[in-house]
Protein backbone atom coordinates (compact mmCIF):
# COMPACT_ATOMS: atom_id res chain seq x y z
CA ALA A 1 235.40 12.50 -89.97
CA ILE A 2 234.37 15.84 -91.47
CA ILE A 3 236.46 17.28 -94.51
CA SER A 4 236.06 20.95 -94.97
CA SER A 5 239.39 21.54 -97.30
CA HIS A 6 241.93 20.25 -100.02
CA LEU A 7 244.49 19.34 -97.17
CA GLN A 8 242.04 17.23 -94.99
CA LEU A 9 240.87 15.63 -98.85
CA LYS A 10 244.77 13.84 -99.04
CA GLY A 11 244.62 10.12 -99.03
CA ARG A 12 240.99 9.73 -98.18
CA LEU A 13 238.88 11.37 -101.03
CA THR A 14 239.44 10.73 -105.55
CA ILE A 15 237.33 13.47 -106.81
CA GLN A 16 236.99 13.06 -110.56
CA VAL A 17 234.70 15.09 -112.59
CA LEU A 18 231.97 12.65 -114.50
CA LYS A 19 229.75 14.69 -116.60
CA ALA A 20 229.14 18.37 -117.58
CA GLU A 21 226.06 20.02 -119.34
CA PRO A 22 224.87 23.26 -120.50
CA ASP A 23 221.04 24.27 -118.66
CA ASN A 24 219.41 26.97 -119.64
CA GLU A 25 220.14 29.39 -117.11
CA GLY A 26 223.66 27.94 -116.54
CA PHE A 27 225.06 24.24 -116.83
CA TYR A 28 225.59 21.02 -114.47
CA ILE A 29 228.25 19.63 -113.60
CA THR A 30 228.71 15.58 -112.16
CA LEU A 31 230.97 15.02 -109.81
CA GLY A 32 231.95 11.47 -108.82
CA PHE A 33 233.64 11.91 -104.70
CA LYS A 34 235.26 7.87 -103.90
CA ASN A 35 236.01 7.03 -100.52
CA ASN A 36 239.42 5.68 -99.71
CA THR A 37 238.66 4.42 -96.18
CA ASP A 38 236.85 2.43 -94.06
CA MET A 39 234.92 5.43 -92.28
CA PRO A 40 231.99 8.02 -93.46
CA LEU A 41 233.15 10.84 -94.76
CA ARG A 42 231.63 14.38 -94.36
CA LEU A 43 232.53 17.10 -96.98
CA ILE A 44 231.23 20.35 -95.29
CA ASN A 45 230.68 24.01 -96.76
CA LEU A 46 230.19 23.34 -100.27
CA LYS A 47 228.31 26.13 -100.67
CA GLN A 48 231.11 28.23 -99.19
CA ALA A 49 232.61 31.11 -101.48
CA ASP A 50 235.51 29.43 -104.03
CA ALA A 51 234.87 25.93 -102.21
CA LEU A 52 233.53 24.78 -105.82
CA ILE A 53 234.35 26.91 -109.32
CA ALA A 54 233.97 25.82 -112.76
CA ILE A 55 236.76 27.52 -114.92
CA ASP A 56 236.45 28.22 -118.85
CA GLN A 57 238.77 27.83 -121.59
CA ASP A 58 239.08 31.29 -121.43
CA GLY A 59 239.86 31.20 -117.82
CA TYR A 60 236.83 32.93 -116.06
CA ALA A 61 235.50 31.29 -113.19
CA ASN A 62 231.69 30.38 -112.55
CA GLY A 63 230.15 29.62 -109.19
CA LEU A 64 227.76 27.82 -107.48
CA SER A 65 224.42 28.91 -108.38
CA SER A 66 221.97 29.45 -105.65
CA SER A 67 219.65 26.65 -106.81
CA PRO A 68 218.09 24.40 -103.57
CA GLY A 69 219.73 21.51 -105.31
CA ASN A 70 222.77 22.73 -104.83
CA PRO A 71 224.36 20.46 -101.15
CA ASN A 72 226.18 23.00 -98.76
CA GLU A 73 227.68 19.17 -97.32
CA LEU A 74 227.39 15.50 -98.48
CA THR A 75 228.34 12.23 -96.70
CA VAL A 76 230.36 9.69 -98.44
CA PRO A 77 230.04 5.59 -97.24
CA PRO A 78 233.46 4.29 -96.17
CA LYS A 79 234.79 2.24 -99.27
CA ALA A 80 232.37 3.40 -101.63
CA ALA A 81 231.93 6.36 -104.29
CA ILE A 82 228.85 8.57 -105.19
CA ARG A 83 227.62 11.33 -107.62
CA GLN A 84 226.66 14.20 -107.28
CA LYS A 85 225.48 16.74 -109.30
CA PHE A 86 226.31 20.32 -109.04
CA SER A 87 224.42 23.72 -110.47
CA PHE A 88 226.89 26.19 -111.77
CA GLU A 89 226.08 30.07 -113.10
CA GLY A 90 226.22 30.38 -116.56
CA PRO A 91 227.01 31.85 -119.45
CA ILE A 92 229.78 29.49 -120.15
CA LYS A 93 230.77 28.16 -123.42
CA ALA A 94 232.62 25.22 -121.96
CA VAL A 95 234.31 24.19 -118.66
CA THR A 96 238.15 23.01 -118.92
CA THR A 97 238.48 22.75 -115.40
CA VAL A 98 236.71 22.25 -112.10
CA ARG A 99 238.29 24.00 -108.70
CA VAL A 100 237.37 21.71 -105.37
CA TRP A 101 239.08 23.55 -102.51
CA GLY A 102 241.92 25.26 -104.49
CA GLN A 103 242.71 21.77 -106.64
CA GLU A 104 241.79 21.16 -109.88
CA TYR A 105 240.02 18.54 -111.65
CA LYS A 106 239.98 18.34 -115.32
């Protein structure tokens, strides 16, 4: 199944913030994606504007960096979970929330 919005996630995929770490030019956030279905789920258009943003304690948002390591899509196997590290633009003091297609994760 193809996933490209938050509405398509409901009941199918669980997202969790696993780790946040600073970098010289920005910061990294590792997200966990757990597939709750019996079929592979492909998340697409992750580099689309505002698909993934990090929000700091002052409410300022940072988008994905232009790093080639940031995937535009990823596939989560059936009844399994994967970890994916994303690079965000900086600077940022402390990330409090990651927003994926409009849904916030602490």
